[in-house]
C-alpha atoms as a PDB file:
ATOM      1  CA  MET A   1     -14.034  14.350  19.567  1.00  0.00           C
ATOM      2  CA  ALA A   2     -10.350  14.005  18.629  1.00  0.00           C
ATOM      3  CA  LEU A   3      -8.259  10.737  19.937  1.00  0.00           C
ATOM      4  CA  THR A   4      -6.143  11.192  22.804  1.00  0.00           C
ATOM      5  CA  ASN A   5      -3.389   9.353  24.221  1.00  0.00           C
ATOM      6  CA  GLN A   6      -5.566   7.425  26.611  1.00  0.00           C
ATOM      7  CA  SER A   7      -7.104   3.937  26.525  1.00  0.00           C
ATOM      8  CA  LEU A   8     -10.826   4.761  26.734  1.00  0.00           C
ATOM      9  CA  ASP A   9     -12.892   7.289  24.371  1.00  0.00           C
ATOM     10  CA  GLN A  10     -15.895   9.259  25.650  1.00  0.00           C
ATOM     11  CA  ASN A  11     -17.999   6.475  26.158  1.00  0.00           C
ATOM     12  CA  ASN A  12     -15.554   4.411  28.061  1.00  0.00           C
ATOM     13  CA  THR A  13     -14.822   2.319  25.051  1.00  0.00           C
ATOM     14  CA  PRO A  14     -11.270   0.752  24.636  1.00  0.00           C
ATOM     15  CA  ILE A  15      -9.423   2.475  21.963  1.00  0.00           C
ATOM     16  CA  ALA A  16      -7.178   0.254  19.985  1.00  0.00           C
ATOM     17  CA  ALA A  17      -3.342   1.220  20.208  1.00  0.00           C
ATOM     18  CA  LYS A  18      -3.313   1.067  16.361  1.00  0.00           C
ATOM     19  CA  ASP A  19      -6.010   3.844  16.254  1.00  0.00           C
ATOM     20  CA  LEU A  20      -3.638   6.270  18.114  1.00  0.00           C
ATOM     21  CA  GLU A  21      -0.769   5.781  15.897  1.00  0.00           C
ATOM     22  CA  MET A  22       0.125   9.098  14.292  1.00  0.00           C
ATOM     23  CA  ILE A  23       0.473   8.303  10.502  1.00  0.00           C
ATOM     24  CA  LEU A  24       1.125  10.178   6.995  1.00  0.00           C
ATOM     25  CA  VAL A  25      -1.937  11.876   5.616  1.00  0.00           C
ATOM     26  CA  VAL A  26      -2.546  14.408   2.724  1.00  0.00           C
ATOM     27  CA  LYS A  27      -5.509  16.221   1.841  1.00  0.00           C
ATOM     28  CA  ARG A  28      -7.485  15.105  -1.161  1.00  0.00           C
ATOM     29  CA  GLU A  29      -6.885  18.401  -3.265  1.00  0.00           C
ATOM     30  CA  PRO A  30      -3.032  18.461  -3.816  1.00  0.00           C
ATOM     31  CA  LEU A  31      -2.934  14.944  -4.630  1.00  0.00           C
ATOM     32  CA  PHE A  32      -5.776  15.026  -7.115  1.00  0.00           C
ATOM     33  CA  TYR A  33      -4.394  18.485  -8.831  1.00  0.00           C
ATOM     34  CA  GLU A  34      -5.075  16.634 -12.509  1.00  0.00           C
ATOM     35  CA  GLY A  35      -8.223  15.137 -11.504  1.00  0.00           C
ATOM     36  CA  VAL A  36      -9.562  12.174  -9.791  1.00  0.00           C
ATOM     37  CA  TRP A  37      -8.516   8.553 -11.412  1.00  0.00           C
ATOM     38  CA  HIS A  38      -9.865   5.488 -10.449  1.00  0.00           C
ATOM     39  CA  GLY A  39      -6.797   2.356 -10.959  1.00  0.00           C
ATOM     40  CA  LEU A  40      -3.394   2.366 -11.163  1.00  0.00           C
ATOM     41  CA  LYS A  41      -1.608   5.445 -12.912  1.00  0.00           C
ATOM     42  CA  GLU A  42       1.906   5.835 -14.115  1.00  0.00           C
ATOM     43  CA  VAL A  43       3.015   9.159 -12.888  1.00  0.00           C
ATOM     44  CA  CYS A  44       6.087  11.037 -12.151  1.00  0.00           C
ATOM     45  CA  PHE A  45       6.946   9.959  -8.249  1.00  0.00           C
ATOM     46  CA  ASP A  46       9.154  13.179  -7.906  1.00  0.00           C
ATOM     47  CA  SER A  47       6.201  15.148  -8.523  1.00  0.00           C
ATOM     48  CA  TYR A  48       3.898  13.365  -5.885  1.00  0.00           C
ATOM     49  CA  MET A  49       7.007  13.342  -3.352  1.00  0.00           C
ATOM     50  CA  ARG A  50       6.837  17.145  -3.320  1.00  0.00           C
ATOM     51  CA  ILE A  51       3.186  17.293  -2.689  1.00  0.00           C
ATOM     52  CA  ILE A  52       3.786  14.888   0.271  1.00  0.00           C
ATOM     53  CA  ASP A  53       6.595  17.003   1.519  1.00  0.00           C
ATOM     54  CA  GLN A  54       4.724  20.131   1.315  1.00  0.00           C
ATOM     55  CA  HIS A  55       1.184  19.304   2.345  1.00  0.00           C
ATOM     56  CA  LYS A  56       1.870  16.363   4.777  1.00  0.00           C
ATOM     57  CA  GLU A  57      -0.168  15.856   8.055  1.00  0.00           C
ATOM     58  CA  PHE A  58       0.227  13.378  10.830  1.00  0.00           C
ATOM     59  CA  ILE A  59      -3.155  12.583  12.488  1.00  0.00           C
ATOM     60  CA  PRO A  60      -4.129   9.585  14.610  1.00  0.00           C
ATOM     61  CA  ARG A  61      -5.204   6.568  12.477  1.00  0.00           C
ATOM     62  CA  GLY A  62      -8.520   6.159  13.985  1.00  0.00           C
ATOM     63  CA  ILE A  63      -9.424   9.555  12.909  1.00  0.00           C
ATOM     64  CA  ALA A  64      -7.973   9.263   9.487  1.00  0.00           C
ATOM     65  CA  GLU A  65      -9.895   5.898   8.990  1.00  0.00           C
ATOM     66  CA  GLN A  66     -12.971   7.668   9.188  1.00  0.00           C
ATOM     67  CA  ASP A  67     -12.244  10.938   7.227  1.00  0.00           C
ATOM     68  CA  SER A  68     -12.284  10.511   3.569  1.00  0.00           C
ATOM     69  CA  SER A  69     -11.210  13.947   3.098  1.00  0.00           C
ATOM     70  CA  TYR A  70      -7.604  12.925   3.752  1.00  0.00           C
ATOM     71  CA  LYS A  71      -5.524  10.137   2.030  1.00  0.00           C
ATOM     72  CA  GLN A  72      -3.384   7.826   4.199  1.00  0.00           C
ATOM     73  CA  ILE A  73      -0.219   7.244   2.209  1.00  0.00           C
ATOM     74  CA  ILE A  74       0.608   3.619   1.662  1.00  0.00           C
ATOM     75  CA  PRO A  75       3.905   2.420  -0.008  1.00  0.00           C
ATOM     76  CA  TYR A  76       2.972  -0.868  -1.651  1.00  0.00           C
ATOM     77  CA  LEU A  77       5.826  -3.120  -2.505  1.00  0.00           C
ATOM     78  CA  ILE A  78       5.739  -5.975  -5.222  1.00  0.00           C
ATOM     79  CA  PHE A  79       8.391  -8.283  -5.137  1.00  0.00           C
ATOM     80  CA  HIS A  80       9.192 -10.220  -8.228  1.00  0.00           C
ATOM     81  CA  TYR A  81      12.357 -12.529  -9.422  1.00  0.00           C
ATOM     82  CA  GLN A  82      12.419 -13.064 -12.992  1.00  0.00           C
ATOM     83  CA  ASP A  83       9.293 -13.501 -14.119  1.00  0.00           C
ATOM     84  CA  SER A  84       7.870 -14.872 -10.917  1.00  0.00           C
ATOM     85  CA  TYR A  85       6.026 -12.638  -8.186  1.00  0.00           C
ATOM     86  CA  PHE A  86       5.398 -13.147  -4.398  1.00  0.00           C
ATOM     87  CA  LEU A  87       2.034 -13.917  -3.623  1.00  0.00           C
ATOM     88  CA  MET A  88       0.867 -14.038   0.282  1.00  0.00           C
ATOM     89  CA  GLN A  89      -2.172 -14.391   2.219  1.00  0.00           C
ATOM     90  CA  ARG A  90      -2.896 -12.158   4.940  1.00  0.00           C
ATOM     91  CA  SER A  91      -3.873 -13.612   8.449  1.00  0.00           C
ATOM     92  CA  GLU A  92      -7.132 -14.236   9.546  1.00  0.00           C
ATOM     93  CA  ASN A  93      -5.710 -11.826  12.644  1.00  0.00           C
ATOM     94  CA  ALA A  94      -4.505  -9.050  10.494  1.00  0.00           C
ATOM     95  CA  SER A  95      -4.937  -5.821  12.152  1.00  0.00           C
ATOM     96  CA  GLU A  96      -6.867  -4.450   9.160  1.00  0.00           C
ATOM     97  CA  LYS A  97     -10.126  -6.531   9.505  1.00  0.00           C
ATOM     98  CA  ARG A  98     -11.660  -5.370   5.993  1.00  0.00           C
ATOM     99  CA  LEU A  99      -8.206  -7.328   4.671  1.00  0.00           C
ATOM    100  CA  GLN A 100      -8.179 -10.604   6.736  1.00  0.00           C
ATOM    101  CA  ASN A 101      -7.449 -13.613   4.831  1.00  0.00           C
ATOM    102  CA  LYS A 102      -7.328 -11.909   1.447  1.00  0.00           C
ATOM    103  CA  TYR A 103      -4.444 -12.677  -0.974  1.00  0.00           C
ATOM    104  CA  SER A 104      -2.148  -9.971  -1.927  1.00  0.00           C
ATOM    105  CA  LEU A 105       0.668  -9.408  -3.913  1.00  0.00           C
ATOM    106  CA  GLY A 106       1.539  -5.837  -1.907  1.00  0.00           C
ATOM    107  CA  ILE A 107       3.896  -5.573   1.061  1.00  0.00           C
ATOM    108  CA  GLY A 108       3.365  -2.127   3.077  1.00  0.00           C
ATOM    109  CA  GLY A 109       1.938  -0.404   5.346  1.00  0.00           C
ATOM    110  CA  HIS A 110       1.063   3.026   7.242  1.00  0.00           C
ATOM    111  CA  ILE A 111       3.951   5.591   7.556  1.00  0.00           C
ATOM    112  CA  ARG A 112       4.587   7.115  10.930  1.00  0.00           C
ATOM    113  CA  GLU A 113       6.133  10.404  11.843  1.00  0.00           C
ATOM    114  CA  GLU A 114       9.329   8.665  13.077  1.00  0.00           C
ATOM    115  CA  ASP A 115       9.234   6.605   9.848  1.00  0.00           C
ATOM    116  CA  ILE A 116       9.890   9.255   7.403  1.00  0.00           C
ATOM    117  CA  THR A 117      11.833  11.788   9.075  1.00  0.00           C
ATOM    118  CA  GLY A 118      14.712  12.751   7.340  1.00  0.00           C
ATOM    119  CA  LYS A 119      14.285  10.010   4.562  1.00  0.00           C
ATOM    120  CA  SER A 120      12.575   9.440   0.943  1.00  0.00           C
ATOM    121  CA  LEU A 121       9.703   7.330   0.478  1.00  0.00           C
ATOM    122  CA  PHE A 122      12.036   5.226  -1.391  1.00  0.00           C
ATOM    123  CA  ASP A 123      13.921   4.668   1.514  1.00  0.00           C
ATOM    124  CA  TRP A 124      11.041   3.747   3.667  1.00  0.00           C
ATOM    125  CA  ALA A 125       9.700   1.282   1.094  1.00  0.00           C
ATOM    126  CA  ARG A 126      12.926  -0.699   1.313  1.00  0.00           C
ATOM    127  CA  ARG A 127      13.085  -0.821   4.837  1.00  0.00           C
ATOM    128  CA  GLU A 128       9.274  -1.832   5.366  1.00  0.00           C
ATOM    129  CA  PHE A 129      10.066  -4.553   2.911  1.00  0.00           C
ATOM    130  CA  TYR A 130      12.885  -6.348   4.866  1.00  0.00           C
ATOM    131  CA  GLU A 131      10.578  -5.789   7.990  1.00  0.00           C
ATOM    132  CA  GLU A 132       7.859  -7.477   6.648  1.00  0.00           C
ATOM    133  CA  VAL A 133       9.141 -10.371   4.976  1.00  0.00           C
ATOM    134  CA  SER A 134      12.467 -12.460   5.417  1.00  0.00           C
ATOM    135  CA  TYR A 135      14.788 -12.170   2.360  1.00  0.00           C
ATOM    136  CA  GLN A 136      18.650 -11.896   2.543  1.00  0.00           C
ATOM    137  CA  GLY A 137      20.283  -9.672  -0.115  1.00  0.00           C
ATOM    138  CA  ALA A 138      20.256  -6.604  -2.158  1.00  0.00           C
ATOM    139  CA  VAL A 139      16.935  -5.598  -4.180  1.00  0.00           C
ATOM    140  CA  ASN A 140      16.212  -2.776  -6.661  1.00  0.00           C
ATOM    141  CA  VAL A 141      13.433  -0.667  -5.914  1.00  0.00           C
ATOM    142  CA  LYS A 142      11.538   1.230  -8.791  1.00  0.00           C
ATOM    143  CA  PRO A 143       8.210   3.097  -9.002  1.00  0.00           C
ATOM    144  CA  LEU A 144       5.376   1.506 -10.742  1.00  0.00           C
ATOM    145  CA  GLY A 145       2.460   3.877 -10.153  1.00  0.00           C
ATOM    146  CA  ILE A 146       0.076   5.070  -8.026  1.00  0.00           C
ATOM    147  CA  ILE A 147      -3.236   3.485  -6.940  1.00  0.00           C
ATOM    148  CA  ASN A 148      -6.472   5.226  -6.218  1.00  0.00           C
ATOM    149  CA  ASP A 149      -9.979   3.397  -5.578  1.00  0.00           C
ATOM    150  CA  ASP A 150     -12.773   5.061  -4.245  1.00  0.00           C
ATOM    151  CA  SER A 151     -15.329   2.293  -5.135  1.00  0.00           C
ATOM    152  CA  ASN A 152     -14.865   0.921  -1.415  1.00  0.00           C
ATOM    153  CA  ALA A 153     -14.299   2.076   2.384  1.00  0.00           C
ATOM    154  CA  VAL A 154     -10.888   0.985   2.453  1.00  0.00           C
ATOM    155  CA  GLY A 155      -9.900   2.416  -0.980  1.00  0.00           C
ATOM    156  CA  GLN A 156     -11.642   5.940  -0.026  1.00  0.00           C
ATOM    157  CA  VAL A 157      -9.051   6.982   2.763  1.00  0.00           C
ATOM    158  CA  HIS A 158      -6.081   5.001   1.067  1.00  0.00           C
ATOM    159  CA  LEU A 159      -3.488   6.088  -1.756  1.00  0.00           C
ATOM    160  CA  GLY A 160      -1.271   3.339  -2.920  1.00  0.00           C
ATOM    161  CA  PHE A 161       2.499   3.998  -3.864  1.00  0.00           C
ATOM    162  CA  VAL A 162       3.570   1.072  -5.911  1.00  0.00           C
ATOM    163  CA  PHE A 163       7.085   0.186  -5.959  1.00  0.00           C
ATOM    164  CA  LEU A 164       8.409  -3.139  -8.023  1.00  0.00           C
ATOM    165  CA  VAL A 165      10.982  -4.953  -5.924  1.00  0.00           C
ATOM    166  CA  GLU A 166      13.697  -6.801  -7.998  1.00  0.00           C
ATOM    167  CA  GLY A 167      15.426  -9.611  -6.027  1.00  0.00           C
ATOM    168  CA  ILE A 168      18.497 -11.226  -6.915  1.00  0.00           C
ATOM    169  CA  HIS A 169      17.252 -14.551  -5.874  1.00  0.00           C
ATOM    170  CA  SER A 170      14.102 -16.808  -5.128  1.00  0.00           C
ATOM    171  CA  ASN A 171      14.729 -17.309  -1.388  1.00  0.00           C
ATOM    172  CA  ILE A 172      12.037 -14.999   0.167  1.00  0.00           C
ATOM    173  CA  SER A 173       9.514 -16.217   2.828  1.00  0.00           C
ATOM    174  CA  ILE A 174       6.848 -14.415   5.150  1.00  0.00           C
ATOM    175  CA  LYS A 175       6.473 -13.212   8.690  1.00  0.00           C
ATOM    176  CA  SER A 176       4.631 -10.760  10.302  1.00  0.00           C
ATOM    177  CA  GLU A 177       0.497 -10.830   9.785  1.00  0.00           C
ATOM    178  CA  LEU A 178       0.848 -13.218   6.703  1.00  0.00           C
ATOM    179  CA  LYS A 179      -0.565 -16.582   6.483  1.00  0.00           C
ATOM    180  CA  SER A 180       1.403 -17.775   3.820  1.00  0.00           C
ATOM    181  CA  GLY A 181       3.567 -16.818   0.741  1.00  0.00           C
ATOM    182  CA  ILE A 182       4.725 -18.617  -2.700  1.00  0.00           C
ATOM    183  CA  LEU A 183       6.724 -17.485  -5.659  1.00  0.00           C
ATOM    184  CA  ILE A 184       4.864 -18.047  -8.780  1.00  0.00           C
ATOM    185  CA  PRO A 185       4.822 -16.916 -12.429  1.00  0.00           C
ATOM    186  CA  LEU A 186       2.914 -13.661 -13.277  1.00  0.00           C
ATOM    187  CA  GLU A 187      -0.079 -16.011 -15.347  1.00  0.00           C
ATOM    188  CA  GLU A 188      -0.614 -18.227 -12.287  1.00  0.00           C
ATOM    189  CA  CYS A 189      -1.345 -15.442 -10.169  1.00  0.00           C
ATOM    190  CA  MET A 190      -4.672 -15.124 -12.069  1.00  0.00           C
ATOM    191  CA  GLN A 191      -5.965 -18.368 -10.428  1.00  0.00           C
ATOM    192  CA  TYR A 192      -6.062 -16.201  -7.351  1.00  0.00           C
ATOM    193  CA  ASN A 193      -7.646 -13.205  -8.967  1.00  0.00           C
ATOM    194  CA  LYS A 194     -11.254 -13.363  -7.051  1.00  0.00           C
ATOM    195  CA  HIS A 195      -9.577 -13.661  -3.846  1.00  0.00           C
ATOM    196  CA  LEU A 196      -7.176 -10.879  -4.160  1.00  0.00           C
ATOM    197  CA  GLU A 197      -7.525  -7.557  -2.427  1.00  0.00           C
ATOM    198  CA  THR A 198      -8.726  -4.910  -4.833  1.00  0.00           C
ATOM    199  CA  TRP A 199      -5.205  -3.237  -5.068  1.00  0.00           C
ATOM    200  CA  SER A 200      -3.502  -6.507  -6.279  1.00  0.00           C
ATOM    201  CA  GLN A 201      -6.174  -7.292  -8.684  1.00  0.00           C
ATOM    202  CA  MET A 202      -5.161  -3.446 -10.321  1.00  0.00           C
ATOM    203  CA  VAL A 203      -1.499  -4.184 -10.080  1.00  0.00           C
ATOM    204  CA  LEU A 204      -2.211  -7.851 -11.571  1.00  0.00           C
ATOM    205  CA  THR A 205      -3.902  -6.388 -14.466  1.00  0.00           C
ATOM    206  CA  HIS A 206      -1.544  -3.694 -15.035  1.00  0.00           C
ATOM    207  CA  LEU A 207       1.459  -6.060 -14.850  1.00  0.00           C
ATOM    208  CA  LEU A 208      -0.062  -8.369 -17.478  1.00  0.00           C
ATOM    209  CA  ASP A 209      -1.083  -5.332 -19.993  1.00  0.00           C
ATOM    210  CA  GLN A 210       2.506  -4.298 -19.703  1.00  0.00           C
ATOM    211  CA  LYS A 211       3.853  -7.773 -20.334  1.00  0.00           C
ATOM    212  CA  TYR A 212       1.669  -8.330 -23.389  1.00  0.00           C
ATOM    213  CA  GLY A 213       1.733  -4.615 -24.628  1.00  0.00           C
ATOM    214  CA  LYS A 214      -1.566  -3.478 -23.925  1.00  0.00           C
ATOM    215  CA  GLU A 215      -2.890  -0.164 -23.035  1.00  0.00           C
ATOM    216  CA  PRO A 216      -3.068   0.400 -19.212  1.00  0.00           C
ATOM    217  CA  ALA A 217      -6.739   0.380 -17.954  1.00  0.00           C
ATOM    218  CA  THR A 218      -5.999   3.385 -16.020  1.00  0.00           C
ATOM    219  CA  CYS A 219      -9.417   5.552 -15.922  1.00  0.00           C
ATOM    220  CA  CYS A 220      -8.884   9.330 -15.483  1.00  0.00           C
ATOM    221  CA  CYS A 221     -11.952  11.517 -14.441  1.00  0.00           C
ATOM    222  CA  CYS A 222     -12.287  14.942 -13.655  1.00  0.00           C
END
């Protein structure tokens, strides 16, 4: 049964407000027109922006979380200043239970219909950055790649559009559902690797490969 704007489902079980949010999703087929891949893949963002514009739907988050025929579109913002990156720890009360207490390099979340009307994904990403962390000053936002990870329940229903956010100073701090945040050199992030959420592990590997001239470890599968 589809969720409605009521507080109880057909079994009189309370429905969380977040599950009623109408969020941006796209069917898997148009997104993987070149075949399914695993990991962080460098792509032409303009092509994927057109796919999203042509195939976008807005459905209740509670349904999207259970239907792997859709991918929820998630901007994932990686802040850096010079050679340091903002490493955060999510709260034990984070709305996504599967990510509670995990460390993350990524700032971001779901896109609601009112978020994207008349705006590009870049505009939304920049606004999300200022909403999720405390930072004064301009930032430069550029695409890094797209993450797909079908190896776990979270990844199967999400697709991450990864942006690098370059700051003009190092004065950044947490707010929202975050427990802590620290700006540290890229190599030091490896000390937290086993505690990072999967997407951040993929981003960290990609950034280190870029820095040291290695080929990206992205796998493309038909």
